[in-house]
C-alpha atoms as a PDB file:
ATOM      1  CA  MET A   1      -7.300 -42.210   5.636  1.00  0.00           C
ATOM      2  CA  GLU A   2     -10.976 -40.647   5.715  1.00  0.00           C
ATOM      3  CA  ALA A   3     -10.348 -39.412   9.379  1.00  0.00           C
ATOM      4  CA  LEU A   4      -7.443 -37.522   8.314  1.00  0.00           C
ATOM      5  CA  TYR A   5      -8.953 -36.253   5.137  1.00  0.00           C
ATOM      6  CA  HIS A   6     -12.048 -34.738   7.108  1.00  0.00           C
ATOM      7  CA  GLN A   7      -9.801 -33.320   9.728  1.00  0.00           C
ATOM      8  CA  THR A   8      -7.587 -31.650   7.372  1.00  0.00           C
ATOM      9  CA  ASN A   9     -11.051 -30.460   5.580  1.00  0.00           C
ATOM     10  CA  LYS A  10     -12.117 -29.118   8.675  1.00  0.00           C
ATOM     11  CA  GLN A  11      -8.880 -27.019   8.985  1.00  0.00           C
ATOM     12  CA  VAL A  12      -9.290 -25.286   5.588  1.00  0.00           C
ATOM     13  CA  HIS A  13     -12.507 -24.247   6.847  1.00  0.00           C
ATOM     14  CA  GLU A  14     -11.441 -23.081  10.130  1.00  0.00           C
ATOM     15  CA  VAL A  15      -8.375 -21.140   7.976  1.00  0.00           C
ATOM     16  CA  GLN A  16     -10.913 -19.902   5.835  1.00  0.00           C
ATOM     17  CA  SER A  17     -12.858 -18.241   8.964  1.00  0.00           C
ATOM     18  CA  HIS A  18      -9.651 -16.798  10.441  1.00  0.00           C
ATOM     19  CA  MET A  19      -8.938 -15.187   7.010  1.00  0.00           C
ATOM     20  CA  GLY A  20     -12.062 -12.992   7.678  1.00  0.00           C
ATOM     21  CA  ARG A  21     -10.914 -12.171  11.268  1.00  0.00           C
ATOM     22  CA  LEU A  22      -7.910 -11.022   9.682  1.00  0.00           C
ATOM     23  CA  GLU A  23      -9.906  -8.188   7.967  1.00  0.00           C
ATOM     24  CA  THR A  24     -11.454  -7.083  11.300  1.00  0.00           C
ATOM     25  CA  SER A  25      -8.697  -7.433  13.442  1.00  0.00           C
ATOM     26  CA  ASP A  26      -7.071  -4.485  15.034  1.00  0.00           C
ATOM     27  CA  LYS A  27      -3.403  -3.505  14.758  1.00  0.00           C
ATOM     28  CA  GLN A  28      -2.290  -4.976  18.010  1.00  0.00           C
ATOM     29  CA  SER A  29      -3.503  -8.401  17.090  1.00  0.00           C
ATOM     30  CA  VAL A  30      -3.372  -8.860  13.205  1.00  0.00           C
ATOM     31  CA  HIS A  31       0.163 -10.272  14.234  1.00  0.00           C
ATOM     32  CA  LEU A  32      -1.357 -12.770  16.434  1.00  0.00           C
ATOM     33  CA  VAL A  33      -3.904 -13.849  13.938  1.00  0.00           C
ATOM     34  CA  GLU A  34      -1.819 -14.112  11.040  1.00  0.00           C
ATOM     35  CA  ASN A  35       0.996 -16.149  12.633  1.00  0.00           C
ATOM     36  CA  GLU A  36      -1.961 -18.536  13.892  1.00  0.00           C
ATOM     37  CA  THR A  37      -3.279 -18.683  10.296  1.00  0.00           C
ATOM     38  CA  GLN A  38       0.035 -19.505   9.339  1.00  0.00           C
ATOM     39  CA  ALA A  39       0.534 -22.143  11.783  1.00  0.00           C
ATOM     40  CA  ARG A  40      -2.807 -23.897  10.621  1.00  0.00           C
ATOM     41  CA  ILE A  41      -1.970 -23.648   6.957  1.00  0.00           C
ATOM     42  CA  ASP A  42       1.447 -25.009   7.825  1.00  0.00           C
ATOM     43  CA  GLN A  43      -0.009 -28.069   9.670  1.00  0.00           C
ATOM     44  CA  ILE A  44      -2.403 -28.596   6.770  1.00  0.00           C
ATOM     45  CA  PHE A  45       0.322 -28.764   4.439  1.00  0.00           C
ATOM     46  CA  SER A  46       2.059 -31.494   6.818  1.00  0.00           C
ATOM     47  CA  ASN A  47      -1.512 -33.385   6.667  1.00  0.00           C
ATOM     48  CA  LEU A  48      -1.527 -33.007   3.113  1.00  0.00           C
ATOM     49  CA  GLU A  49       1.706 -34.843   2.531  1.00  0.00           C
ATOM     50  CA  ARG A  50       0.535 -37.516   4.713  1.00  0.00           C
ATOM     51  CA  LEU A  51      -2.474 -37.940   2.896  1.00  0.00           C
ATOM     52  CA  GLU A  52      -0.700 -38.005  -0.506  1.00  0.00           C
ATOM     53  CA  ILE A  53       1.187 -41.043   0.853  1.00  0.00           C
ATOM     54  CA  LEU A  54      -1.812 -42.577   2.270  1.00  0.00           C
ATOM     55  CA  SER A  55      -3.420 -42.062  -0.941  1.00  0.00           C
ATOM     56  CA  SER A  56      -0.767 -43.910  -2.910  1.00  0.00           C
ATOM     57  CA  LYS A  57      -1.562 -46.789  -0.600  1.00  0.00           C
ATOM     58  CA  GLU A  58      -5.080 -46.987  -1.242  1.00  0.00           C
ATOM     59  CA  PRO A  59      -6.722 -49.980  -3.479  1.00  0.00           C
ATOM     60  CA  PRO A  60      -6.333 -49.030  -7.289  1.00  0.00           C
ATOM     61  CA  ASN A  61      -9.914 -48.658  -7.459  1.00  0.00           C
ATOM     62  CA  LYS A  62     -10.227 -45.944  -4.657  1.00  0.00           C
ATOM     63  CA  ARG A  63      -6.696 -44.677  -5.431  1.00  0.00           C
ATOM     64  CA  GLN A  64      -7.886 -42.023  -8.421  1.00  0.00           C
ATOM     65  CA  ASN A  65     -10.516 -40.752  -6.136  1.00  0.00           C
ATOM     66  CA  ALA A  66      -8.635 -40.350  -3.342  1.00  0.00           C
ATOM     67  CA  LYS A  67      -5.752 -38.744  -5.116  1.00  0.00           C
ATOM     68  CA  LEU A  68      -8.351 -36.183  -6.524  1.00  0.00           C
ATOM     69  CA  ARG A  69     -10.085 -35.146  -3.393  1.00  0.00           C
ATOM     70  CA  VAL A  70      -6.300 -34.406  -2.022  1.00  0.00           C
ATOM     71  CA  ASP A  71      -5.316 -32.465  -4.976  1.00  0.00           C
ATOM     72  CA  GLN A  72      -8.558 -30.566  -4.334  1.00  0.00           C
ATOM     73  CA  LEU A  73      -7.792 -29.801  -1.013  1.00  0.00           C
ATOM     74  CA  LYS A  74      -3.950 -28.862  -1.940  1.00  0.00           C
ATOM     75  CA  TYR A  75      -5.438 -26.541  -4.069  1.00  0.00           C
ATOM     76  CA  ASP A  76      -7.449 -24.932  -1.776  1.00  0.00           C
ATOM     77  CA  VAL A  77      -4.706 -24.763   0.904  1.00  0.00           C
ATOM     78  CA  GLN A  78      -2.528 -22.880  -1.835  1.00  0.00           C
ATOM     79  CA  HIS A  79      -5.288 -20.454  -2.654  1.00  0.00           C
ATOM     80  CA  LEU A  80      -5.278 -19.551   1.180  1.00  0.00           C
ATOM     81  CA  GLN A  81      -1.640 -19.346   1.541  1.00  0.00           C
ATOM     82  CA  THR A  82      -1.695 -16.858  -1.392  1.00  0.00           C
ATOM     83  CA  ALA A  83      -4.471 -14.835   0.084  1.00  0.00           C
ATOM     84  CA  LEU A  84      -2.634 -14.731   3.447  1.00  0.00           C
ATOM     85  CA  ARG A  85       0.681 -13.297   1.410  1.00  0.00           C
ATOM     86  CA  ASN A  86      -1.748 -10.833  -0.120  1.00  0.00           C
ATOM     87  CA  PHE A  87      -3.394  -9.586   2.908  1.00  0.00           C
ATOM     88  CA  GLN A  88       0.320  -9.457   4.546  1.00  0.00           C
ATOM     89  CA  HIS A  89       1.621  -7.475   1.430  1.00  0.00           C
ATOM     90  CA  ARG A  90      -1.634  -4.950   1.578  1.00  0.00           C
ATOM     91  CA  ARG A  91      -1.102  -4.386   5.502  1.00  0.00           C
ATOM     92  CA  TYR A  92       2.907  -3.889   4.919  1.00  0.00           C
ATOM     93  CA  THR A  93       2.516  -1.185   2.124  1.00  0.00           C
ATOM     94  CA  HIS A  94      -0.323   0.260   4.196  1.00  0.00           C
ATOM     95  CA  GLU A  95       1.758   0.535   7.412  1.00  0.00           C
ATOM     96  CA  GLN A  96       4.938   2.059   5.152  1.00  0.00           C
ATOM     97  CA  GLN A  97       2.574   4.336   3.821  1.00  0.00           C
ATOM     98  CA  GLU A  98       1.508   5.593   7.032  1.00  0.00           C
ATOM     99  CA  ARG A  99       4.805   6.034   8.213  1.00  0.00           C
ATOM    100  CA  GLU A 100       5.730   7.943   5.046  1.00  0.00           C
ATOM    101  CA  ARG A 101       2.684  10.245   5.818  1.00  0.00           C
ATOM    102  CA  GLU A 102       3.635  10.884   9.402  1.00  0.00           C
ATOM    103  CA  GLU A 103       7.331  11.524   8.346  1.00  0.00           C
ATOM    104  CA  LEU A 104       5.846  14.216   5.945  1.00  0.00           C
ATOM    105  CA  MET A 105       3.419  15.365   8.629  1.00  0.00           C
ATOM    106  CA  THR A 106       6.242  16.131  11.108  1.00  0.00           C
ATOM    107  CA  ARG A 107       8.866  17.865   8.479  1.00  0.00           C
ATOM    108  CA  THR A 108       8.907  21.528   8.800  1.00  0.00           C
ATOM    109  CA  TYR A 109       8.746  23.514   5.274  1.00  0.00           C
ATOM    110  CA  THR A 110       9.758  26.992   5.323  1.00  0.00           C
ATOM    111  CA  THR A 111       9.495  29.080   2.272  1.00  0.00           C
ATOM    112  CA  ASN A 112      11.050  32.050   4.440  1.00  0.00           C
ATOM    113  CA  GLY A 113      14.570  29.696   4.589  1.00  0.00           C
ATOM    114  CA  ALA A 114      15.552  30.569   0.783  1.00  0.00           C
ATOM    115  CA  GLN A 115      14.622  34.155   1.301  1.00  0.00           C
ATOM    116  CA  LYS A 116      16.918  34.540   4.459  1.00  0.00           C
ATOM    117  CA  LYS A 117      19.640  32.974   2.606  1.00  0.00           C
ATOM    118  CA  ILE A 118      19.249  35.386  -0.357  1.00  0.00           C
ATOM    119  CA  LEU A 119      19.189  38.294   2.175  1.00  0.00           C
ATOM    120  CA  ASP A 120      22.295  37.057   3.976  1.00  0.00           C
ATOM    121  CA  VAL A 121      23.942  36.925   0.807  1.00  0.00           C
ATOM    122  CA  ALA A 122      23.169  40.240  -0.361  1.00  0.00           C
ATOM    123  CA  ASN A 123      23.885  41.934   3.200  1.00  0.00           C
ATOM    124  CA  MET A 124      27.371  40.038   2.474  1.00  0.00           C
ATOM    125  CA  LEU A 125      27.449  41.576  -0.691  1.00  0.00           C
ATOM    126  CA  GLY A 126      26.923  45.140   0.514  1.00  0.00           C
ATOM    127  CA  LEU A 127      23.624  45.931  -0.161  1.00  0.00           C
ATOM    128  CA  SER A 128      21.666  47.973   2.492  1.00  0.00           C
ATOM    129  CA  ASN A 129      18.127  46.876   3.713  1.00  0.00           C
ATOM    130  CA  THR A 130      16.576  49.860   1.797  1.00  0.00           C
ATOM    131  CA  VAL A 131      17.679  48.351  -1.341  1.00  0.00           C
ATOM    132  CA  MET A 132      16.735  44.915  -0.087  1.00  0.00           C
ATOM    133  CA  ARG A 133      13.033  45.950   0.648  1.00  0.00           C
ATOM    134  CA  LEU A 134      12.794  47.793  -2.666  1.00  0.00           C
ATOM    135  CA  ILE A 135      13.953  44.437  -4.528  1.00  0.00           C
ATOM    136  CA  GLU A 136      11.221  42.478  -2.193  1.00  0.00           C
ATOM    137  CA  LYS A 137       8.592  45.119  -3.488  1.00  0.00           C
ATOM    138  CA  ARG A 138       9.948  44.976  -6.977  1.00  0.00           C
ATOM    139  CA  ALA A 139       9.333  41.427  -7.184  1.00  0.00           C
ATOM    140  CA  PHE A 140       5.972  41.493  -5.746  1.00  0.00           C
ATOM    141  CA  GLN A 141       4.973  44.302  -8.434  1.00  0.00           C
ATOM    142  CA  ASP A 142       6.397  41.842 -11.029  1.00  0.00           C
ATOM    143  CA  LYS A 143       4.436  39.090  -9.786  1.00  0.00           C
ATOM    144  CA  ALA A 144       1.599  41.166 -10.277  1.00  0.00           C
ATOM    145  CA  ILE A 145       1.947  42.171 -13.553  1.00  0.00           C
ATOM    146  CA  MET A 146       2.750  38.892 -14.924  1.00  0.00           C
ATOM    147  CA  ILE A 147      -0.529  37.470 -13.291  1.00  0.00           C
ATOM    148  CA  GLY A 148      -2.610  40.564 -15.178  1.00  0.00           C
ATOM    149  CA  GLY A 149      -0.871  39.896 -18.340  1.00  0.00           C
ATOM    150  CA  MET A 150      -1.823  36.223 -18.163  1.00  0.00           C
ATOM    151  CA  VAL A 151      -5.471  37.212 -17.398  1.00  0.00           C
ATOM    152  CA  ILE A 152      -5.566  39.655 -20.008  1.00  0.00           C
ATOM    153  CA  THR A 153      -4.030  37.147 -22.607  1.00  0.00           C
ATOM    154  CA  CYS A 154      -6.638  34.353 -21.826  1.00  0.00           C
ATOM    155  CA  VAL A 155      -9.437  37.143 -22.118  1.00  0.00           C
ATOM    156  CA  LEU A 156      -8.219  37.961 -25.666  1.00  0.00           C
ATOM    157  CA  MET A 157      -7.796  34.343 -26.459  1.00  0.00           C
ATOM    158  CA  PHE A 158     -11.445  33.772 -25.625  1.00  0.00           C
ATOM    159  CA  LEU A 159     -12.581  36.822 -27.551  1.00  0.00           C
ATOM    160  CA  VAL A 160     -10.711  35.853 -30.494  1.00  0.00           C
ATOM    161  CA  VAL A 161     -12.063  32.371 -30.290  1.00  0.00           C
ATOM    162  CA  LYS A 162     -15.239  33.299 -29.853  1.00  0.00           C
ATOM    163  CA  TYR A 163     -15.910  36.251 -32.307  1.00  0.00           C
ATOM    164  CA  LEU A 164     -13.433  35.000 -35.470  1.00  0.00           C
ATOM    165  CA  THR A 165     -14.297  31.394 -35.401  1.00  0.00           C
END
């Protein structure tokens, strides 16, 4: 039992060092390191099952201590398993965000598309190009008037607050 306990404890420490390697490994080798770490954790779990059986066969005066040590190892390994799952979840989320970002970057955004459709509809309705240009010019002038009105309103509100309060 002692030899298996020390071997398992050593494996737990090795997995802890592998967890540190996970953070620093590059994208290509991260899967290999994850699989290797998971395989080691599975091996540790099988050792822990054998250790539980062996601890129950210990003499009564040593049984409590043996079970306590096995439970401590089991607790440590469960934390390692959880840490590995958290790392995998973070990596998966990060990769998904990168894919979505790349998808957004490759998309072409055109504001002229809507304007072109409006022009096509207007042409079908029989409006001439000069009328269409006048409408576009009027839209620009309306926008300038709106922005000017907003600025004047803000200035007036500032002056009212400043001098009347």
